[in-house]
Amino acid sequence: MSRFERYGIYFIPQDTDPLLRLADAWLGRDTLTGVPKGRPDIPGLSSAGIAALTKQASTYGFHGTLKAPFRLASGATERRLFRAVATLAEDLKPAPPMKMRLDELSGFLAIRPLRDDTAVRAIGNACVTRLDDLRAPMSGMERRTRLKAGLSDQQIQFLLRWGYPYVLSQFRFHLTLTGALRTGEADQADQAYHALKNYFAAALAAPLIVDHISICGDPGDGRPFEFLQRFPLRQAVATRRLAG
């Protein structure tokens, strides 16, 4: 029996990265340890307002999705998943350093590449396709819920084949900061955007390097995801060996 209801394959910045430290404070908990953190003092946003904006995002922690959370297939085990991810990481090259920006994506705020995300998309594509034999099929309820989301024909095809609509050509690398901003409340969206743009300005001055992938576990019942293990990508491992 698996320890977790679902498993997600994510990118999470290194614990020394200022971007992660700021994002963890914004979300109210340490993504890697789960320890609660005090909310930051951000001009224009109250603590209660920040908590409301981040309620959903905080459950997942600060991350970029590479393979969306999935239940293990019948006969698959957590140990087998860890071995498969370790093997996959050995075959993947890190993405070149990417300049990042704060942006709105489908009604929520996230950190996204300033320009092209082709290299990190290749990492995501590999996670989606090469780990898919470990994924249990969607339940009927999961399928019906997803199909209500106004998906394009291509996204529906990907949902039915890969269990998630925003993969392959539909993949957009992002690290989520808020839940959906309330429709029709432009002032709220603008206020949150400008406050976060200032809050993350110094951290976003440095490029983001995607040179590892992580497994996180969903314990279910709405409890926060747990960080389980990080796997350096092949070139990153080789570079560290040479440096040593």
C-alpha atoms as a PDB file:
ATOM      1  CA  MET A   1       0.000   0.000   0.000  1.00  0.00           C
ATOM      2  CA  SER A   2       1.314   3.473  -0.938  1.00  0.00           C
ATOM      3  CA  ARG A   3       2.058   6.028   1.762  1.00  0.00           C
ATOM      4  CA  PHE A   4       0.395   8.745  -0.304  1.00  0.00           C
ATOM      5  CA  GLU A   5      -2.802   9.098  -2.259  1.00  0.00           C
ATOM      6  CA  ARG A   6      -1.011  10.667  -5.219  1.00  0.00           C
ATOM      7  CA  TYR A   7       2.504  11.582  -6.315  1.00  0.00           C
ATOM      8  CA  GLY A   8       3.594  14.631  -8.304  1.00  0.00           C
ATOM      9  CA  ILE A   9       6.826  15.201 -10.215  1.00  0.00           C
ATOM     10  CA  TYR A  10       7.857  18.794  -9.642  1.00  0.00           C
ATOM     11  CA  PHE A  11      10.648  21.279  -9.957  1.00  0.00           C
ATOM     12  CA  ILE A  12      11.325  23.034  -6.644  1.00  0.00           C
ATOM     13  CA  PRO A  13      14.109  25.639  -6.385  1.00  0.00           C
ATOM     14  CA  GLN A  14      17.062  24.838  -4.152  1.00  0.00           C
ATOM     15  CA  ASP A  15      16.587  25.668  -0.475  1.00  0.00           C
ATOM     16  CA  THR A  16      19.289  28.348  -0.771  1.00  0.00           C
ATOM     17  CA  ASP A  17      17.454  30.130  -3.601  1.00  0.00           C
ATOM     18  CA  PRO A  18      16.006  33.507  -2.480  1.00  0.00           C
ATOM     19  CA  LEU A  19      13.041  32.854  -4.775  1.00  0.00           C
ATOM     20  CA  LEU A  20      12.033  29.795  -2.739  1.00  0.00           C
ATOM     21  CA  ARG A  21      12.509  31.588   0.570  1.00  0.00           C
ATOM     22  CA  LEU A  22      10.289  34.493  -0.516  1.00  0.00           C
ATOM     23  CA  ALA A  23       7.679  32.184  -2.050  1.00  0.00           C
ATOM     24  CA  ASP A  24       7.540  30.015   1.071  1.00  0.00           C
ATOM     25  CA  ALA A  25       6.892  33.074   3.230  1.00  0.00           C
ATOM     26  CA  TRP A  26       4.214  34.240   0.767  1.00  0.00           C
ATOM     27  CA  LEU A  27       2.538  30.794   0.861  1.00  0.00           C
ATOM     28  CA  GLY A  28       2.880  30.522   4.629  1.00  0.00           C
ATOM     29  CA  ARG A  29       4.828  27.275   4.840  1.00  0.00           C
ATOM     30  CA  ASP A  30       8.207  25.774   3.992  1.00  0.00           C
ATOM     31  CA  THR A  31       7.763  23.704   0.819  1.00  0.00           C
ATOM     32  CA  LEU A  32      10.589  21.323   1.712  1.00  0.00           C
ATOM     33  CA  THR A  33       9.849  20.746   5.403  1.00  0.00           C
ATOM     34  CA  GLY A  34       6.196  21.658   5.758  1.00  0.00           C
ATOM     35  CA  VAL A  35       6.953  23.949   8.699  1.00  0.00           C
ATOM     36  CA  PRO A  36       4.549  26.937   8.885  1.00  0.00           C
ATOM     37  CA  LYS A  37       6.077  30.345   8.162  1.00  0.00           C
ATOM     38  CA  GLY A  38       4.948  33.818   9.118  1.00  0.00           C
ATOM     39  CA  ARG A  39       3.378  35.833   6.324  1.00  0.00           C
ATOM     40  CA  PRO A  40       5.445  38.702   4.930  1.00  0.00           C
ATOM     41  CA  ASP A  41       4.576  42.343   5.395  1.00  0.00           C
ATOM     42  CA  ILE A  42       3.649  43.428   1.878  1.00  0.00           C
ATOM     43  CA  PRO A  43       2.360  46.974   1.366  1.00  0.00           C
ATOM     44  CA  GLY A  44      -1.181  46.954   0.021  1.00  0.00           C
ATOM     45  CA  LEU A  45      -2.004  43.404   1.133  1.00  0.00           C
ATOM     46  CA  SER A  46      -3.245  42.305   4.549  1.00  0.00           C
ATOM     47  CA  SER A  47      -2.281  39.009   6.170  1.00  0.00           C
ATOM     48  CA  ALA A  48      -5.876  37.844   5.764  1.00  0.00           C
ATOM     49  CA  GLY A  49      -5.821  38.872   2.112  1.00  0.00           C
ATOM     50  CA  ILE A  50      -2.606  36.966   1.484  1.00  0.00           C
ATOM     51  CA  ALA A  51      -4.017  33.881   3.216  1.00  0.00           C
ATOM     52  CA  ALA A  52      -7.117  34.013   0.998  1.00  0.00           C
ATOM     53  CA  LEU A  53      -5.090  34.447  -2.179  1.00  0.00           C
ATOM     54  CA  THR A  54      -2.753  31.560  -1.325  1.00  0.00           C
ATOM     55  CA  LYS A  55      -5.123  29.032   0.279  1.00  0.00           C
ATOM     56  CA  GLN A  56      -5.015  26.574  -2.628  1.00  0.00           C
ATOM     57  CA  ALA A  57      -1.436  27.233  -3.752  1.00  0.00           C
ATOM     58  CA  SER A  58      -0.137  26.749  -0.211  1.00  0.00           C
ATOM     59  CA  THR A  59      -1.444  23.172  -0.152  1.00  0.00           C
ATOM     60  CA  TYR A  60       0.860  22.261  -3.035  1.00  0.00           C
ATOM     61  CA  GLY A  61       3.857  24.338  -1.981  1.00  0.00           C
ATOM     62  CA  PHE A  62       6.032  26.391  -4.323  1.00  0.00           C
ATOM     63  CA  HIS A  63       6.743  24.278  -7.392  1.00  0.00           C
ATOM     64  CA  GLY A  64       6.644  23.954 -11.143  1.00  0.00           C
ATOM     65  CA  THR A  65       4.642  20.933 -12.288  1.00  0.00           C
ATOM     66  CA  LEU A  66       6.445  18.505 -14.601  1.00  0.00           C
ATOM     67  CA  LYS A  67       4.009  15.600 -14.234  1.00  0.00           C
ATOM     68  CA  ALA A  68       0.741  16.415 -12.497  1.00  0.00           C
ATOM     69  CA  PRO A  69      -0.196  14.431  -9.370  1.00  0.00           C
ATOM     70  CA  PHE A  70      -1.343  10.894 -10.127  1.00  0.00           C
ATOM     71  CA  ARG A  71      -2.335   7.731  -8.314  1.00  0.00           C
ATOM     72  CA  LEU A  72      -0.040   4.750  -8.723  1.00  0.00           C
ATOM     73  CA  ALA A  73      -1.181   2.055 -11.124  1.00  0.00           C
ATOM     74  CA  SER A  74      -2.205  -1.344  -9.828  1.00  0.00           C
ATOM     75  CA  GLY A  75       0.964  -3.262  -8.984  1.00  0.00           C
ATOM     76  CA  ALA A  76       3.168  -0.156  -8.974  1.00  0.00           C
ATOM     77  CA  THR A  77       4.933   0.784  -5.746  1.00  0.00           C
ATOM     78  CA  GLU A  78       6.519   3.900  -4.322  1.00  0.00           C
ATOM     79  CA  ARG A  79       9.915   2.199  -4.492  1.00  0.00           C
ATOM     80  CA  ARG A  80       9.428   1.501  -8.183  1.00  0.00           C
ATOM     81  CA  LEU A  81       8.437   5.137  -8.747  1.00  0.00           C
ATOM     82  CA  PHE A  82      11.586   6.377  -7.007  1.00  0.00           C
ATOM     83  CA  ARG A  83      13.757   4.056  -9.101  1.00  0.00           C
ATOM     84  CA  ALA A  84      12.061   5.185 -12.301  1.00  0.00           C
ATOM     85  CA  VAL A  85      12.536   8.873 -11.477  1.00  0.00           C
ATOM     86  CA  ALA A  86      16.189   8.300 -10.542  1.00  0.00           C
ATOM     87  CA  THR A  87      16.771   6.535 -13.877  1.00  0.00           C
ATOM     88  CA  LEU A  88      14.955   9.267 -15.764  1.00  0.00           C
ATOM     89  CA  ALA A  89      17.017  11.988 -14.086  1.00  0.00           C
ATOM     90  CA  GLU A  90      20.201  10.299 -15.270  1.00  0.00           C
ATOM     91  CA  ASP A  91      18.965  10.672 -18.865  1.00  0.00           C
ATOM     92  CA  LEU A  92      17.920  14.329 -18.711  1.00  0.00           C
ATOM     93  CA  LYS A  93      19.937  17.464 -19.330  1.00  0.00           C
ATOM     94  CA  PRO A  94      19.307  20.569 -17.218  1.00  0.00           C
ATOM     95  CA  ALA A  95      17.596  23.500 -18.863  1.00  0.00           C
ATOM     96  CA  PRO A  96      19.797  26.547 -19.522  1.00  0.00           C
ATOM     97  CA  PRO A  97      19.400  29.388 -16.989  1.00  0.00           C
ATOM     98  CA  MET A  98      16.095  31.151 -17.573  1.00  0.00           C
ATOM     99  CA  LYS A  99      15.142  34.717 -16.828  1.00  0.00           C
ATOM    100  CA  MET A 100      11.814  34.651 -14.986  1.00  0.00           C
ATOM    101  CA  ARG A 101       8.962  37.120 -14.483  1.00  0.00           C
ATOM    102  CA  LEU A 102       5.719  37.503 -12.583  1.00  0.00           C
ATOM    103  CA  ASP A 103       2.763  36.901 -14.883  1.00  0.00           C
ATOM    104  CA  GLU A 104      -0.936  36.089 -14.928  1.00  0.00           C
ATOM    105  CA  LEU A 105      -1.802  32.678 -16.326  1.00  0.00           C
ATOM    106  CA  SER A 106      -5.425  31.572 -16.729  1.00  0.00           C
ATOM    107  CA  GLY A 107      -6.587  33.837 -13.937  1.00  0.00           C
ATOM    108  CA  PHE A 108      -3.887  33.205 -11.330  1.00  0.00           C
ATOM    109  CA  LEU A 109      -0.456  34.674 -10.653  1.00  0.00           C
ATOM    110  CA  ALA A 110       2.699  32.669 -11.229  1.00  0.00           C
ATOM    111  CA  ILE A 111       6.417  32.943 -11.909  1.00  0.00           C
ATOM    112  CA  ARG A 112       7.028  32.138 -15.581  1.00  0.00           C
ATOM    113  CA  PRO A 113       9.929  32.200 -18.063  1.00  0.00           C
ATOM    114  CA  LEU A 114      10.393  35.588 -19.653  1.00  0.00           C
ATOM    115  CA  ARG A 115      10.878  33.980 -23.043  1.00  0.00           C
ATOM    116  CA  ASP A 116      11.217  30.410 -24.280  1.00  0.00           C
ATOM    117  CA  ASP A 117      10.589  27.361 -22.089  1.00  0.00           C
ATOM    118  CA  THR A 118      11.573  24.769 -24.735  1.00  0.00           C
ATOM    119  CA  ALA A 119      14.331  23.142 -22.673  1.00  0.00           C
ATOM    120  CA  VAL A 120      12.269  22.744 -19.522  1.00  0.00           C
ATOM    121  CA  ARG A 121       9.342  21.587 -21.662  1.00  0.00           C
ATOM    122  CA  ALA A 122      11.543  18.720 -22.864  1.00  0.00           C
ATOM    123  CA  ILE A 123      12.108  17.745 -19.227  1.00  0.00           C
ATOM    124  CA  GLY A 124       8.380  17.889 -18.580  1.00  0.00           C
ATOM    125  CA  ASN A 125       7.596  15.870 -21.708  1.00  0.00           C
ATOM    126  CA  ALA A 126       9.967  13.132 -20.572  1.00  0.00           C
ATOM    127  CA  CYS A 127       8.394  13.043 -17.103  1.00  0.00           C
ATOM    128  CA  VAL A 128       4.896  12.812 -18.584  1.00  0.00           C
ATOM    129  CA  THR A 129       5.611  10.091 -21.125  1.00  0.00           C
ATOM    130  CA  ARG A 130       8.299   7.942 -19.509  1.00  0.00           C
ATOM    131  CA  LEU A 131       6.612   7.647 -16.122  1.00  0.00           C
ATOM    132  CA  ASP A 132       3.126   7.092 -17.461  1.00  0.00           C
ATOM    133  CA  ASP A 133       3.121   3.315 -17.027  1.00  0.00           C
ATOM    134  CA  LEU A 134       3.138   4.012 -13.274  1.00  0.00           C
ATOM    135  CA  ARG A 135      -0.005   6.162 -13.439  1.00  0.00           C
ATOM    136  CA  ALA A 136      -3.398   4.701 -12.639  1.00  0.00           C
ATOM    137  CA  PRO A 137      -6.191   5.583 -15.115  1.00  0.00           C
ATOM    138  CA  MET A 138      -8.410   8.497 -14.200  1.00  0.00           C
ATOM    139  CA  SER A 139     -11.591   7.701 -12.353  1.00  0.00           C
ATOM    140  CA  GLY A 140     -14.900   8.587 -13.988  1.00  0.00           C
ATOM    141  CA  MET A 141     -15.310  11.484 -11.563  1.00  0.00           C
ATOM    142  CA  GLU A 142     -11.836  12.833 -12.335  1.00  0.00           C
ATOM    143  CA  ARG A 143     -12.568  12.668 -16.050  1.00  0.00           C
ATOM    144  CA  ARG A 144     -15.938  14.420 -15.736  1.00  0.00           C
ATOM    145  CA  THR A 145     -14.474  17.166 -13.546  1.00  0.00           C
ATOM    146  CA  ARG A 146     -11.655  17.865 -15.975  1.00  0.00           C
ATOM    147  CA  LEU A 147     -13.925  17.849 -19.003  1.00  0.00           C
ATOM    148  CA  LYS A 148     -16.022  20.629 -17.452  1.00  0.00           C
ATOM    149  CA  ALA A 149     -13.052  22.999 -17.545  1.00  0.00           C
ATOM    150  CA  GLY A 150     -13.607  24.326 -21.079  1.00  0.00           C
ATOM    151  CA  LEU A 151     -10.684  22.456 -22.634  1.00  0.00           C
ATOM    152  CA  SER A 152      -9.662  22.658 -26.275  1.00  0.00           C
ATOM    153  CA  ASP A 153      -9.854  19.569 -28.499  1.00  0.00           C
ATOM    154  CA  GLN A 154      -6.097  19.077 -28.152  1.00  0.00           C
ATOM    155  CA  GLN A 155      -6.268  19.390 -24.378  1.00  0.00           C
ATOM    156  CA  ILE A 156      -9.082  16.839 -24.225  1.00  0.00           C
ATOM    157  CA  GLN A 157      -6.978  14.403 -26.259  1.00  0.00           C
ATOM    158  CA  PHE A 158      -4.043  14.868 -23.901  1.00  0.00           C
ATOM    159  CA  LEU A 159      -6.307  14.485 -20.860  1.00  0.00           C
ATOM    160  CA  LEU A 160      -7.639  11.165 -22.113  1.00  0.00           C
ATOM    161  CA  ARG A 161      -4.186   9.889 -23.109  1.00  0.00           C
ATOM    162  CA  TRP A 162      -1.936  11.275 -20.362  1.00  0.00           C
ATOM    163  CA  GLY A 163      -4.350  12.065 -17.529  1.00  0.00           C
ATOM    164  CA  TYR A 164      -3.736  15.820 -17.673  1.00  0.00           C
ATOM    165  CA  PRO A 165      -4.576  18.381 -20.369  1.00  0.00           C
ATOM    166  CA  TYR A 166      -1.639  20.780 -20.055  1.00  0.00           C
ATOM    167  CA  VAL A 167       1.181  18.582 -21.336  1.00  0.00           C
ATOM    168  CA  LEU A 168       3.416  18.357 -24.422  1.00  0.00           C
ATOM    169  CA  SER A 169       2.423  21.215 -26.773  1.00  0.00           C
ATOM    170  CA  GLN A 170       0.047  22.602 -24.121  1.00  0.00           C
ATOM    171  CA  PHE A 171       2.705  22.713 -21.391  1.00  0.00           C
ATOM    172  CA  ARG A 172       3.476  26.137 -19.917  1.00  0.00           C
ATOM    173  CA  PHE A 173       6.146  26.049 -17.229  1.00  0.00           C
ATOM    174  CA  HIS A 174       5.140  28.091 -14.193  1.00  0.00           C
ATOM    175  CA  LEU A 175       5.486  28.225 -10.414  1.00  0.00           C
ATOM    176  CA  THR A 176       2.117  29.069  -8.908  1.00  0.00           C
ATOM    177  CA  LEU A 177       1.658  31.836  -6.328  1.00  0.00           C
ATOM    178  CA  THR A 178      -2.116  32.291  -6.015  1.00  0.00           C
ATOM    179  CA  GLY A 179      -5.416  30.608  -6.587  1.00  0.00           C
ATOM    180  CA  ALA A 180      -7.795  31.986  -9.189  1.00  0.00           C
ATOM    181  CA  LEU A 181      -8.313  35.723  -8.789  1.00  0.00           C
ATOM    182  CA  ARG A 182     -11.986  36.540  -8.547  1.00  0.00           C
ATOM    183  CA  THR A 183     -13.565  37.250 -11.920  1.00  0.00           C
ATOM    184  CA  GLY A 184     -14.646  40.826 -12.354  1.00  0.00           C
ATOM    185  CA  GLU A 185     -12.476  42.200  -9.556  1.00  0.00           C
ATOM    186  CA  ALA A 186      -9.760  43.849 -11.616  1.00  0.00           C
ATOM    187  CA  ASP A 187      -8.611  45.957  -8.674  1.00  0.00           C
ATOM    188  CA  GLN A 188      -7.788  42.846  -6.651  1.00  0.00           C
ATOM    189  CA  ALA A 189      -5.772  41.339  -9.508  1.00  0.00           C
ATOM    190  CA  ASP A 190      -3.878  44.570 -10.176  1.00  0.00           C
ATOM    191  CA  GLN A 191      -3.146  45.142  -6.502  1.00  0.00           C
ATOM    192  CA  ALA A 192      -1.830  41.591  -6.027  1.00  0.00           C
ATOM    193  CA  TYR A 193       0.220  41.771  -9.215  1.00  0.00           C
ATOM    194  CA  HIS A 194       1.967  45.035  -8.358  1.00  0.00           C
ATOM    195  CA  ALA A 195       2.557  44.003  -4.740  1.00  0.00           C
ATOM    196  CA  LEU A 196       4.136  40.698  -5.783  1.00  0.00           C
ATOM    197  CA  LYS A 197       6.157  42.290  -8.564  1.00  0.00           C
ATOM    198  CA  ASN A 198       7.882  44.458  -5.977  1.00  0.00           C
ATOM    199  CA  TYR A 199       8.136  41.624  -3.449  1.00  0.00           C
ATOM    200  CA  PHE A 200       9.915  39.255  -5.869  1.00  0.00           C
ATOM    201  CA  ALA A 201      11.904  41.868  -7.824  1.00  0.00           C
ATOM    202  CA  ALA A 202      15.324  41.123  -6.297  1.00  0.00           C
ATOM    203  CA  ALA A 203      14.897  37.328  -6.466  1.00  0.00           C
ATOM    204  CA  LEU A 204      13.813  37.477 -10.114  1.00  0.00           C
ATOM    205  CA  ALA A 205      16.951  39.398 -11.045  1.00  0.00           C
ATOM    206  CA  ALA A 206      18.838  36.074 -10.971  1.00  0.00           C
ATOM    207  CA  PRO A 207      18.077  33.369 -13.570  1.00  0.00           C
ATOM    208  CA  LEU A 208      16.345  30.136 -12.586  1.00  0.00           C
ATOM    209  CA  ILE A 209      18.210  26.894 -13.255  1.00  0.00           C
ATOM    210  CA  VAL A 210      16.118  23.739 -13.639  1.00  0.00           C
ATOM    211  CA  ASP A 211      18.750  21.093 -12.949  1.00  0.00           C
ATOM    212  CA  HIS A 212      16.808  18.598 -10.814  1.00  0.00           C
ATOM    213  CA  ILE A 213      13.375  17.055 -10.424  1.00  0.00           C
ATOM    214  CA  SER A 214      11.537  16.145  -7.229  1.00  0.00           C
ATOM    215  CA  ILE A 215       8.859  13.759  -6.025  1.00  0.00           C
ATOM    216  CA  CYS A 216       6.167  15.110  -3.725  1.00  0.00           C
ATOM    217  CA  GLY A 217       3.397  13.138  -2.061  1.00  0.00           C
ATOM    218  CA  ASP A 218      -0.244  14.015  -1.558  1.00  0.00           C
ATOM    219  CA  PRO A 219      -1.492  12.556   1.757  1.00  0.00           C
ATOM    220  CA  GLY A 220      -5.105  13.254   0.767  1.00  0.00           C
ATOM    221  CA  ASP A 221      -7.991  14.911   2.605  1.00  0.00           C
ATOM    222  CA  GLY A 222      -6.760  18.354   1.582  1.00  0.00           C
ATOM    223  CA  ARG A 223      -3.595  18.085   3.644  1.00  0.00           C
ATOM    224  CA  PRO A 224      -0.432  19.782   2.298  1.00  0.00           C
ATOM    225  CA  PHE A 225       1.795  17.951  -0.150  1.00  0.00           C
ATOM    226  CA  GLU A 226       5.045  16.612   1.289  1.00  0.00           C
ATOM    227  CA  PHE A 227       8.449  16.942  -0.361  1.00  0.00           C
ATOM    228  CA  LEU A 228      10.006  13.466  -0.588  1.00  0.00           C
ATOM    229  CA  GLN A 229      13.225  13.515  -2.617  1.00  0.00           C
ATOM    230  CA  ARG A 230      15.187  15.550  -5.151  1.00  0.00           C
ATOM    231  CA  PHE A 231      17.002  13.982  -8.120  1.00  0.00           C
ATOM    232  CA  PRO A 232      19.794  15.966  -9.868  1.00  0.00           C
ATOM    233  CA  LEU A 233      19.767  15.748 -13.653  1.00  0.00           C
ATOM    234  CA  ARG A 234      22.665  14.033 -15.406  1.00  0.00           C
ATOM    235  CA  GLN A 235      24.697  17.041 -16.525  1.00  0.00           C
ATOM    236  CA  ALA A 236      24.292  18.704 -13.145  1.00  0.00           C
ATOM    237  CA  VAL A 237      25.743  15.596 -11.476  1.00  0.00           C
ATOM    238  CA  ALA A 238      28.669  15.480 -13.911  1.00  0.00           C
ATOM    239  CA  THR A 239      29.410  19.178 -13.390  1.00  0.00           C
ATOM    240  CA  ARG A 240      29.529  18.760  -9.620  1.00  0.00           C
ATOM    241  CA  ARG A 241      31.898  15.796  -9.943  1.00  0.00           C
ATOM    242  CA  LEU A 242      34.261  17.813 -12.128  1.00  0.00           C
ATOM    243  CA  ALA A 243      34.111  20.743  -9.721  1.00  0.00           C
ATOM    244  CA  GLY A 244      35.017  18.431  -6.843  1.00  0.00           C
END
